[in-house]
PDB file of N, CA and C in Angstrom:
ATOM      1  N   MET A   1       8.264 -13.219  10.698  1.00  0.00           N
ATOM      2  CA  MET A   1       7.123 -12.844  10.238  1.00  0.00           C
ATOM      3  C   MET A   1       7.184 -11.866   8.898  1.00  0.00           C
ATOM      4  N   ASP A   2       6.592 -12.301   7.978  1.00  0.00           N
ATOM      5  CA  ASP A   2       6.146 -11.364   6.765  1.00  0.00           C
ATOM      6  C   ASP A   2       5.314 -10.111   6.694  1.00  0.00           C
ATOM      7  N   THR A   3       5.850  -8.702   6.551  1.00  0.00           N
ATOM      8  CA  THR A   3       4.980  -7.779   7.104  1.00  0.00           C
ATOM      9  C   THR A   3       4.870  -6.637   5.960  1.00  0.00           C
ATOM     10  N   TYR A   4       4.530  -5.557   5.828  1.00  0.00           N
ATOM     11  CA  TYR A   4       4.543  -4.645   4.890  1.00  0.00           C
ATOM     12  C   TYR A   4       4.332  -3.393   5.645  1.00  0.00           C
ATOM     13  N   TRP A   5       5.305  -2.254   5.546  1.00  0.00           N
ATOM     14  CA  TRP A   5       5.053  -0.991   6.182  1.00  0.00           C
ATOM     15  C   TRP A   5       6.619  -0.301   5.845  1.00  0.00           C
ATOM     16  N   GLN A   6       6.092   1.000   6.008  1.00  0.00           N
ATOM     17  CA  GLN A   6       7.137   2.252   5.366  1.00  0.00           C
ATOM     18  C   GLN A   6       7.487   2.726   6.810  1.00  0.00           C
ATOM     19  N   THR A   7       8.111   3.835   6.719  1.00  0.00           N
ATOM     20  CA  THR A   7       8.434   4.595   7.696  1.00  0.00           C
ATOM     21  C   THR A   7       7.480   5.861   7.844  1.00  0.00           C
ATOM     22  N   GLU A   8       7.333   6.014   6.405  1.00  0.00           N
ATOM     23  CA  GLU A   8       6.007   6.852   6.329  1.00  0.00           C
ATOM     24  C   GLU A   8       4.907   6.570   6.549  1.00  0.00           C
ATOM     25  N   THR A   9       4.158   5.432   6.632  1.00  0.00           N
ATOM     26  CA  THR A   9       2.950   4.792   6.893  1.00  0.00           C
ATOM     27  C   THR A   9       2.847   4.573   8.754  1.00  0.00           C
ATOM     28  N   GLY A  10       3.802   4.766   9.179  1.00  0.00           N
ATOM     29  CA  GLY A  10       3.772   4.908  10.544  1.00  0.00           C
ATOM     30  C   GLY A  10       3.467   3.267  11.299  1.00  0.00           C
ATOM     31  N   GLY A  11       3.298   2.196  10.839  1.00  0.00           N
ATOM     32  CA  GLY A  11       3.328   1.027  11.331  1.00  0.00           C
ATOM     33  C   GLY A  11       3.038  -0.129  10.408  1.00  0.00           C
ATOM     34  N   PHE A  12       2.696  -1.359  10.178  1.00  0.00           N
ATOM     35  CA  PHE A  12       2.290  -2.217   9.654  1.00  0.00           C
ATOM     36  C   PHE A  12       0.934  -1.975   8.620  1.00  0.00           C
ATOM     37  N   MET A  13       0.893  -1.925   7.172  1.00  0.00           N
ATOM     38  CA  MET A  13      -0.044  -2.215   6.495  1.00  0.00           C
ATOM     39  C   MET A  13      -0.268  -3.139   6.123  1.00  0.00           C
ATOM     40  N   LEU A  14       0.323  -4.152   5.812  1.00  0.00           N
ATOM     41  CA  LEU A  14       0.120  -5.800   5.191  1.00  0.00           C
ATOM     42  C   LEU A  14       0.534  -6.268   6.677  1.00  0.00           C
ATOM     43  N   ALA A  15      -0.162  -7.409   7.025  1.00  0.00           N
ATOM     44  CA  ALA A  15       0.685  -7.890   8.306  1.00  0.00           C
ATOM     45  C   ALA A  15      -0.546  -9.452   8.507  1.00  0.00           C
ATOM     46  N   PRO A  16       0.249 -10.326   8.749  1.00  0.00           N
ATOM     47  CA  PRO A  16      -0.683 -11.668   9.021  1.00  0.00           C
ATOM     48  C   PRO A  16      -1.207 -11.725  10.458  1.00  0.00           C
ATOM     49  N   MET A  17      -2.191 -11.731  10.814  1.00  0.00           N
ATOM     50  CA  MET A  17      -3.119 -11.588  11.836  1.00  0.00           C
ATOM     51  C   MET A  17      -2.991 -12.915  12.658  1.00  0.00           C
ATOM     52  N   PRO A  18      -3.290 -13.282  13.742  1.00  0.00           N
ATOM     53  CA  PRO A  18      -3.359 -14.691  14.496  1.00  0.00           C
ATOM     54  C   PRO A  18      -4.285 -15.316  14.178  1.00  0.00           C
ATOM     55  N   TYR A  19      -5.358 -15.141  13.563  1.00  0.00           N
ATOM     56  CA  TYR A  19      -6.500 -15.861  12.893  1.00  0.00           C
ATOM     57  C   TYR A  19      -6.121 -16.316  11.729  1.00  0.00           C
ATOM     58  N   ARG A  20      -5.127 -15.528  10.842  1.00  0.00           N
ATOM     59  CA  ARG A  20      -4.933 -15.922   9.564  1.00  0.00           C
ATOM     60  C   ARG A  20      -3.695 -17.451   9.443  1.00  0.00           C
ATOM     61  N   ALA A  21      -3.560 -17.767   8.396  1.00  0.00           N
ATOM     62  CA  ALA A  21      -2.883 -18.588   8.283  1.00  0.00           C
ATOM     63  C   ALA A  21      -1.691 -18.190   7.481  1.00  0.00           C
ATOM     64  N   LEU A  22      -0.258 -18.706   7.839  1.00  0.00           N
ATOM     65  CA  LEU A  22       0.720 -17.557   7.459  1.00  0.00           C
ATOM     66  C   LEU A  22       1.099 -18.609   5.961  1.00  0.00           C
ATOM     67  N   LYS A  23       1.305 -17.478   5.344  1.00  0.00           N
ATOM     68  CA  LYS A  23       2.358 -18.060   3.988  1.00  0.00           C
ATOM     69  C   LYS A  23       3.620 -17.048   3.825  1.00  0.00           C
ATOM     70  N   PRO A  24       4.491 -18.062   3.645  1.00  0.00           N
ATOM     71  CA  PRO A  24       6.211 -17.684   3.744  1.00  0.00           C
ATOM     72  C   PRO A  24       5.941 -16.824   2.632  1.00  0.00           C
ATOM     73  N   GLY A  25       6.645 -15.697   2.740  1.00  0.00           N
ATOM     74  CA  GLY A  25       6.852 -14.486   1.493  1.00  0.00           C
ATOM     75  C   GLY A  25       5.701 -13.525   1.115  1.00  0.00           C
ATOM     76  N   SER A  26       4.637 -13.927   1.784  1.00  0.00           N
ATOM     77  CA  SER A  26       3.556 -12.947   1.918  1.00  0.00           C
ATOM     78  C   SER A  26       3.486 -11.848   2.929  1.00  0.00           C
ATOM     79  N   ALA A  27       3.153 -10.629   3.183  1.00  0.00           N
ATOM     80  CA  ALA A  27       2.485 -10.200   3.936  1.00  0.00           C
ATOM     81  C   ALA A  27       1.031 -10.107   4.178  1.00  0.00           C
ATOM     82  N   THR A  28       0.541 -11.183   3.577  1.00  0.00           N
ATOM     83  CA  THR A  28      -0.900 -11.550   3.368  1.00  0.00           C
ATOM     84  C   THR A  28      -1.812 -10.611   3.461  1.00  0.00           C
ATOM     85  N   LYS A  29      -2.808 -10.069   4.299  1.00  0.00           N
ATOM     86  CA  LYS A  29      -4.042  -9.361   4.359  1.00  0.00           C
ATOM     87  C   LYS A  29      -3.739  -8.093   4.661  1.00  0.00           C
ATOM     88  N   PRO A  30      -4.576  -7.202   4.469  1.00  0.00           N
ATOM     89  CA  PRO A  30      -4.311  -5.274   4.959  1.00  0.00           C
ATOM     90  C   PRO A  30      -4.747  -5.594   6.869  1.00  0.00           C
ATOM     91  N   PHE A  31      -3.881  -4.426   7.269  1.00  0.00           N
ATOM     92  CA  PHE A  31      -4.318  -4.505   8.475  1.00  0.00           C
ATOM     93  C   PHE A  31      -5.498  -3.544   8.539  1.00  0.00           C
ATOM     94  N   PHE A  32      -6.501  -3.412   9.722  1.00  0.00           N
ATOM     95  CA  PHE A  32      -7.254  -3.114  10.201  1.00  0.00           C
ATOM     96  C   PHE A  32      -7.609  -1.415   9.561  1.00  0.00           C
ATOM     97  N   GLY A  33      -8.422  -1.329   8.942  1.00  0.00           N
ATOM     98  CA  GLY A  33      -8.800   0.169   8.210  1.00  0.00           C
ATOM     99  C   GLY A  33      -7.868   0.536   6.934  1.00  0.00           C
ATOM    100  N   ILE A  34      -6.873  -0.252   6.634  1.00  0.00           N
ATOM    101  CA  ILE A  34      -6.196   0.109   5.245  1.00  0.00           C
ATOM    102  C   ILE A  34      -6.732  -1.113   4.079  1.00  0.00           C
ATOM    103  N   GLU A  35      -6.879   0.113   3.357  1.00  0.00           N
ATOM    104  CA  GLU A  35      -7.342  -0.435   2.053  1.00  0.00           C
ATOM    105  C   GLU A  35      -6.540  -0.374   0.682  1.00  0.00           C
ATOM    106  N   PRO A  36      -5.579  -1.251   0.570  1.00  0.00           N
ATOM    107  CA  PRO A  36      -4.324  -1.152  -0.306  1.00  0.00           C
ATOM    108  C   PRO A  36      -5.358  -1.429  -2.073  1.00  0.00           C
ATOM    109  N   ALA A  37      -4.236  -0.991  -2.764  1.00  0.00           N
ATOM    110  CA  ALA A  37      -5.057  -1.258  -4.142  1.00  0.00           C
ATOM    111  C   ALA A  37      -3.693  -1.703  -4.965  1.00  0.00           C
ATOM    112  N   LEU A  38      -3.660  -2.006  -6.199  1.00  0.00           N
ATOM    113  CA  LEU A  38      -2.986  -2.366  -7.043  1.00  0.00           C
ATOM    114  C   LEU A  38      -3.373  -1.148  -8.297  1.00  0.00           C
ATOM    115  N   LEU A  39      -2.578  -0.629  -8.902  1.00  0.00           N
ATOM    116  CA  LEU A  39      -2.565   0.132  -9.790  1.00  0.00           C
ATOM    117  C   LEU A  39      -1.580   0.095 -11.311  1.00  0.00           C
ATOM    118  N   ASP A  40      -2.408   0.116 -12.241  1.00  0.00           N
ATOM    119  CA  ASP A  40      -1.625  -0.315 -13.612  1.00  0.00           C
ATOM    120  C   ASP A  40      -0.547   0.908 -13.475  1.00  0.00           C
ATOM    121  N   PRO A  41       0.719   0.950 -13.883  1.00  0.00           N
ATOM    122  CA  PRO A  41       1.648   2.027 -13.845  1.00  0.00           C
ATOM    123  C   PRO A  41       1.503   2.655 -15.057  1.00  0.00           C
ATOM    124  N   MET A  42       0.667   2.418 -16.061  1.00  0.00           N
ATOM    125  CA  MET A  42       0.557   3.054 -17.286  1.00  0.00           C
ATOM    126  C   MET A  42      -0.508   4.012 -17.453  1.00  0.00           C
ATOM    127  N   THR A  43      -1.606   3.674 -16.955  1.00  0.00           N
ATOM    128  CA  THR A  43      -3.219   4.215 -16.832  1.00  0.00           C
ATOM    129  C   THR A  43      -3.363   4.817 -15.561  1.00  0.00           C
ATOM    130  N   GLY A  44      -2.704   4.252 -14.504  1.00  0.00           N
ATOM    131  CA  GLY A  44      -3.335   4.447 -13.275  1.00  0.00           C
ATOM    132  C   GLY A  44      -4.319   3.958 -12.593  1.00  0.00           C
ATOM    133  N   LYS A  45      -5.073   3.083 -13.410  1.00  0.00           N
ATOM    134  CA  LYS A  45      -6.367   2.634 -13.304  1.00  0.00           C
ATOM    135  C   LYS A  45      -6.081   1.534 -12.204  1.00  0.00           C
ATOM    136  N   GLU A  46      -7.260   0.828 -11.112  1.00  0.00           N
ATOM    137  CA  GLU A  46      -7.097   0.056 -10.716  1.00  0.00           C
ATOM    138  C   GLU A  46      -6.982  -1.193 -11.170  1.00  0.00           C
ATOM    139  N   VAL A  47      -6.133  -2.055 -10.819  1.00  0.00           N
ATOM    140  CA  VAL A  47      -6.338  -3.400 -11.332  1.00  0.00           C
ATOM    141  C   VAL A  47      -6.868  -4.465 -10.244  1.00  0.00           C
ATOM    142  N   LYS A  48      -8.478  -4.942 -10.716  1.00  0.00           N
ATOM    143  CA  LYS A  48      -8.784  -5.908 -10.122  1.00  0.00           C
ATOM    144  C   LYS A  48      -8.618  -7.455 -10.209  1.00  0.00           C
ATOM    145  N   GLY A  49      -9.013  -8.394  -9.215  1.00  0.00           N
ATOM    146  CA  GLY A  49      -8.990  -9.435  -9.365  1.00  0.00           C
ATOM    147  C   GLY A  49      -7.516 -10.127  -8.821  1.00  0.00           C
ATOM    148  N   ASN A  50      -7.476 -11.635  -9.021  1.00  0.00           N
ATOM    149  CA  ASN A  50      -5.970 -12.232  -8.368  1.00  0.00           C
ATOM    150  C   ASN A  50      -5.224 -12.651  -9.749  1.00  0.00           C
ATOM    151  N   ASN A  51      -4.127 -13.063  -9.256  1.00  0.00           N
ATOM    152  CA  ASN A  51      -3.084 -13.374  -9.899  1.00  0.00           C
ATOM    153  C   ASN A  51      -2.416 -12.217 -10.838  1.00  0.00           C
ATOM    154  N   VAL A  52      -2.693 -10.832 -10.373  1.00  0.00           N
ATOM    155  CA  VAL A  52      -2.387  -9.534 -10.979  1.00  0.00           C
ATOM    156  C   VAL A  52      -1.324  -9.171 -10.567  1.00  0.00           C
ATOM    157  N   HIS A  53      -0.354  -8.201 -10.751  1.00  0.00           N
ATOM    158  CA  HIS A  53       0.556  -7.028 -10.259  1.00  0.00           C
ATOM    159  C   HIS A  53       0.453  -5.519 -10.814  1.00  0.00           C
ATOM    160  N   GLY A  54       1.163  -4.979 -10.172  1.00  0.00           N
ATOM    161  CA  GLY A  54       0.950  -3.805 -10.253  1.00  0.00           C
ATOM    162  C   GLY A  54       1.588  -2.795  -9.242  1.00  0.00           C
ATOM    163  N   LEU A  55       1.389  -1.775  -9.477  1.00  0.00           N
ATOM    164  CA  LEU A  55       1.846  -0.704  -8.447  1.00  0.00           C
ATOM    165  C   LEU A  55       1.291  -0.457  -6.879  1.00  0.00           C
ATOM    166  N   LEU A  56       1.688  -0.699  -5.915  1.00  0.00           N
ATOM    167  CA  LEU A  56       0.914  -0.897  -4.591  1.00  0.00           C
ATOM    168  C   LEU A  56       0.625   0.473  -3.911  1.00  0.00           C
ATOM    169  N   ALA A  57      -0.816   0.856  -3.678  1.00  0.00           N
ATOM    170  CA  ALA A  57      -1.254   1.812  -3.515  1.00  0.00           C
ATOM    171  C   ALA A  57      -1.932   1.916  -2.146  1.00  0.00           C
ATOM    172  N   ILE A  58      -2.562   2.834  -1.601  1.00  0.00           N
ATOM    173  CA  ILE A  58      -3.664   2.641  -0.387  1.00  0.00           C
ATOM    174  C   ILE A  58      -4.470   3.585  -0.624  1.00  0.00           C
ATOM    175  N   LYS A  59      -5.719   3.349  -0.518  1.00  0.00           N
ATOM    176  CA  LYS A  59      -6.754   3.947  -0.665  1.00  0.00           C
ATOM    177  C   LYS A  59      -7.015   4.889   0.495  1.00  0.00           C
ATOM    178  N   ARG A  60      -7.555   5.884   0.626  1.00  0.00           N
ATOM    179  CA  ARG A  60      -8.158   7.116   1.736  1.00  0.00           C
ATOM    180  C   ARG A  60      -6.139   7.231   2.905  1.00  0.00           C
ATOM    181  N   SER A  61      -7.087   7.884   3.690  1.00  0.00           N
ATOM    182  CA  SER A  61      -5.759   8.233   4.663  1.00  0.00           C
ATOM    183  C   SER A  61      -5.932   7.172   5.672  1.00  0.00           C
ATOM    184  N   TRP A  62      -4.975   6.960   6.745  1.00  0.00           N
ATOM    185  CA  TRP A  62      -5.223   6.232   7.901  1.00  0.00           C
ATOM    186  C   TRP A  62      -4.738   7.128   8.909  1.00  0.00           C
ATOM    187  N   PRO A  63      -4.760   6.897  10.268  1.00  0.00           N
ATOM    188  CA  PRO A  63      -4.651   7.732  11.607  1.00  0.00           C
ATOM    189  C   PRO A  63      -3.129   7.932  11.613  1.00  0.00           C
ATOM    190  N   SER A  64      -1.950   6.769  11.452  1.00  0.00           N
ATOM    191  CA  SER A  64      -0.611   6.897  11.157  1.00  0.00           C
ATOM    192  C   SER A  64       0.029   7.611  10.028  1.00  0.00           C
ATOM    193  N   MET A  65      -0.591   7.756   9.434  1.00  0.00           N
ATOM    194  CA  MET A  65      -0.042   8.347   7.810  1.00  0.00           C
ATOM    195  C   MET A  65       0.514   9.989   8.110  1.00  0.00           C
ATOM    196  N   MET A  66       1.646  10.007   7.367  1.00  0.00           N
ATOM    197  CA  MET A  66       2.763  11.178   7.685  1.00  0.00           C
ATOM    198  C   MET A  66       1.880  12.068   7.004  1.00  0.00           C
ATOM    199  N   ARG A  67       2.036  13.206   7.843  1.00  0.00           N
ATOM    200  CA  ARG A  67       1.082  14.502   7.250  1.00  0.00           C
ATOM    201  C   ARG A  67       1.965  15.224   6.315  1.00  0.00           C
ATOM    202  N   THR A  68       3.503  15.159   6.445  1.00  0.00           N
ATOM    203  CA  THR A  68       4.573  16.363   5.961  1.00  0.00           C
ATOM    204  C   THR A  68       5.768  15.598   5.593  1.00  0.00           C
ATOM    205  N   VAL A  69       6.798  16.192   4.835  1.00  0.00           N
ATOM    206  CA  VAL A  69       8.082  15.802   5.024  1.00  0.00           C
ATOM    207  C   VAL A  69       8.693  17.464   5.668  1.00  0.00           C
ATOM    208  N   TYR A  70       9.686  17.214   6.762  1.00  0.00           N
ATOM    209  CA  TYR A  70       9.915  18.313   7.474  1.00  0.00           C
ATOM    210  C   TYR A  70      10.965  19.192   6.688  1.00  0.00           C
ATOM    211  N   GLY A  71      10.386  20.663   6.862  1.00  0.00           N
ATOM    212  CA  GLY A  71      10.991  21.336   5.766  1.00  0.00           C
ATOM    213  C   GLY A  71      10.366  21.365   4.384  1.00  0.00           C
ATOM    214  N   ASP A  72       9.819  20.561   3.917  1.00  0.00           N
ATOM    215  CA  ASP A  72       9.410  20.318   2.172  1.00  0.00           C
ATOM    216  C   ASP A  72       8.035  19.802   2.005  1.00  0.00           C
ATOM    217  N   HIS A  73       6.944  20.584   2.536  1.00  0.00           N
ATOM    218  CA  HIS A  73       5.688  19.837   2.537  1.00  0.00           C
ATOM    219  C   HIS A  73       5.450  19.278   0.977  1.00  0.00           C
ATOM    220  N   SER A  74       6.035  20.343  -0.324  1.00  0.00           N
ATOM    221  CA  SER A  74       5.534  19.840  -1.676  1.00  0.00           C
ATOM    222  C   SER A  74       6.430  18.464  -1.887  1.00  0.00           C
ATOM    223  N   ARG A  75       7.434  17.972  -1.237  1.00  0.00           N
ATOM    224  CA  ARG A  75       8.080  16.722  -1.764  1.00  0.00           C
ATOM    225  C   ARG A  75       7.185  15.799  -1.286  1.00  0.00           C
ATOM    226  N   MET A  76       6.604  15.881  -0.040  1.00  0.00           N
ATOM    227  CA  MET A  76       5.610  14.645   0.142  1.00  0.00           C
ATOM    228  C   MET A  76       4.447  14.538  -0.904  1.00  0.00           C
ATOM    229  N   THR A  77       3.736  15.848  -0.980  1.00  0.00           N
ATOM    230  CA  THR A  77       2.636  15.340  -2.027  1.00  0.00           C
ATOM    231  C   THR A  77       3.268  15.082  -3.568  1.00  0.00           C
ATOM    232  N   LYS A  78       4.329  15.746  -3.842  1.00  0.00           N
ATOM    233  CA  LYS A  78       4.901  15.627  -4.945  1.00  0.00           C
ATOM    234  C   LYS A  78       5.315  13.743  -5.190  1.00  0.00           C
ATOM    235  N   LEU A  79       5.446  13.301  -4.081  1.00  0.00           N
ATOM    236  CA  LEU A  79       6.321  11.930  -4.146  1.00  0.00           C
ATOM    237  C   LEU A  79       5.035  10.854  -3.927  1.00  0.00           C
ATOM    238  N   TYR A  80       4.148  11.240  -3.134  1.00  0.00           N
ATOM    239  CA  TYR A  80       3.343   9.922  -2.294  1.00  0.00           C
ATOM    240  C   TYR A  80       1.820  10.516  -3.281  1.00  0.00           C
ATOM    241  N   LEU A  81       1.328  11.739  -3.194  1.00  0.00           N
ATOM    242  CA  LEU A  81      -0.279  11.806  -3.429  1.00  0.00           C
ATOM    243  C   LEU A  81      -0.570  12.279  -4.851  1.00  0.00           C
ATOM    244  N   GLU A  82       0.562  12.925  -5.567  1.00  0.00           N
ATOM    245  CA  GLU A  82       0.435  13.502  -7.075  1.00  0.00           C
ATOM    246  C   GLU A  82       0.488  12.233  -7.802  1.00  0.00           C
ATOM    247  N   PRO A  83       1.517  11.324  -7.790  1.00  0.00           N
ATOM    248  CA  PRO A  83       1.532  10.434  -8.936  1.00  0.00           C
ATOM    249  C   PRO A  83       0.546   9.823  -9.592  1.00  0.00           C
ATOM    250  N   TYR A  84      -0.829   9.616  -8.456  1.00  0.00           N
ATOM    251  CA  TYR A  84      -2.010   8.806  -8.553  1.00  0.00           C
ATOM    252  C   TYR A  84      -2.909   9.414  -7.500  1.00  0.00           C
ATOM    253  N   PRO A  85      -3.493  10.593  -7.985  1.00  0.00           N
ATOM    254  CA  PRO A  85      -4.785  11.202  -7.328  1.00  0.00           C
ATOM    255  C   PRO A  85      -5.745  10.466  -6.628  1.00  0.00           C
ATOM    256  N   GLY A  86      -5.712  10.520  -5.205  1.00  0.00           N
ATOM    257  CA  GLY A  86      -6.819   9.634  -4.611  1.00  0.00           C
ATOM    258  C   GLY A  86      -6.571   8.439  -4.033  1.00  0.00           C
ATOM    259  N   TYR A  87      -5.127   7.937  -4.202  1.00  0.00           N
ATOM    260  CA  TYR A  87      -3.979   7.214  -3.400  1.00  0.00           C
ATOM    261  C   TYR A  87      -3.136   7.793  -3.041  1.00  0.00           C
ATOM    262  N   TYR A  88      -2.556   7.227  -2.226  1.00  0.00           N
ATOM    263  CA  TYR A  88      -0.916   7.168  -1.386  1.00  0.00           C
ATOM    264  C   TYR A  88      -0.357   6.274  -2.214  1.00  0.00           C
ATOM    265  N   PHE A  89       0.936   6.726  -3.099  1.00  0.00           N
ATOM    266  CA  PHE A  89       1.694   5.664  -3.678  1.00  0.00           C
ATOM    267  C   PHE A  89       2.715   5.284  -3.170  1.00  0.00           C
ATOM    268  N   THR A  90       3.024   4.541  -3.124  1.00  0.00           N
ATOM    269  CA  THR A  90       4.026   3.993  -1.861  1.00  0.00           C
ATOM    270  C   THR A  90       5.445   4.031  -2.610  1.00  0.00           C
ATOM    271  N   GLY A  91       5.428   3.620  -4.182  1.00  0.00           N
ATOM    272  CA  GLY A  91       6.656   3.234  -4.793  1.00  0.00           C
ATOM    273  C   GLY A  91       6.937   2.352  -4.857  1.00  0.00           C
ATOM    274  N   ASP A  92       6.161   0.850  -4.752  1.00  0.00           N
ATOM    275  CA  ASP A  92       6.591  -0.561  -4.761  1.00  0.00           C
ATOM    276  C   ASP A  92       5.782  -0.917  -5.617  1.00  0.00           C
ATOM    277  N   GLY A  93       6.057  -2.102  -6.242  1.00  0.00           N
ATOM    278  CA  GLY A  93       5.448  -2.790  -6.797  1.00  0.00           C
ATOM    279  C   GLY A  93       4.680  -4.232  -5.899  1.00  0.00           C
ATOM    280  N   ALA A  94       3.906  -4.653  -6.430  1.00  0.00           N
ATOM    281  CA  ALA A  94       3.247  -5.906  -5.386  1.00  0.00           C
ATOM    282  C   ALA A  94       2.312  -6.858  -6.494  1.00  0.00           C
ATOM    283  N   VAL A  95       2.435  -7.914  -5.887  1.00  0.00           N
ATOM    284  CA  VAL A  95       1.566  -8.863  -6.534  1.00  0.00           C
ATOM    285  C   VAL A  95       0.352  -9.585  -5.826  1.00  0.00           C
ATOM    286  N   ARG A  96      -0.894  -9.461  -6.351  1.00  0.00           N
ATOM    287  CA  ARG A  96      -2.043 -10.538  -5.879  1.00  0.00           C
ATOM    288  C   ARG A  96      -2.055 -11.715  -6.127  1.00  0.00           C
ATOM    289  N   ASP A  97      -1.756 -12.387  -5.066  1.00  0.00           N
ATOM    290  CA  ASP A  97      -1.841 -14.210  -6.043  1.00  0.00           C
ATOM    291  C   ASP A  97      -3.134 -14.642  -5.819  1.00  0.00           C
ATOM    292  N   HIS A  98      -3.644 -16.188  -6.172  1.00  0.00           N
ATOM    293  CA  HIS A  98      -4.604 -16.458  -6.364  1.00  0.00           C
ATOM    294  C   HIS A  98      -5.314 -16.508  -5.061  1.00  0.00           C
ATOM    295  N   ASP A  99      -4.838 -16.676  -3.892  1.00  0.00           N
ATOM    296  CA  ASP A  99      -5.281 -16.138  -2.660  1.00  0.00           C
ATOM    297  C   ASP A  99      -6.072 -14.830  -2.547  1.00  0.00           C
ATOM    298  N   GLY A 100      -5.388 -14.032  -3.037  1.00  0.00           N
ATOM    299  CA  GLY A 100      -5.861 -12.454  -2.709  1.00  0.00           C
ATOM    300  C   GLY A 100      -5.147 -11.775  -2.113  1.00  0.00           C
TER     301      GLY A 100
END
């Protein structure tokens, strides 16, 4: 099963659900309460539509989100929150295909 998650996210962020069709190589759709976004790396603006690519970010916080990096809170904010204000920056690229 293809999923997307990070240690920092505390669980699956994108995952196929039992009622959704599986698509090999794709994590399919966001898990409950997760609002992913693709950002243009040059402008930081959200990329809309299908058949697009960009940097994967998450809008808003979620319950399992990490709160800090032990002993270095400034590192957490510098790496994950400051690059694109208003988003959690994953550091990963992503593609939204024709299925969305």
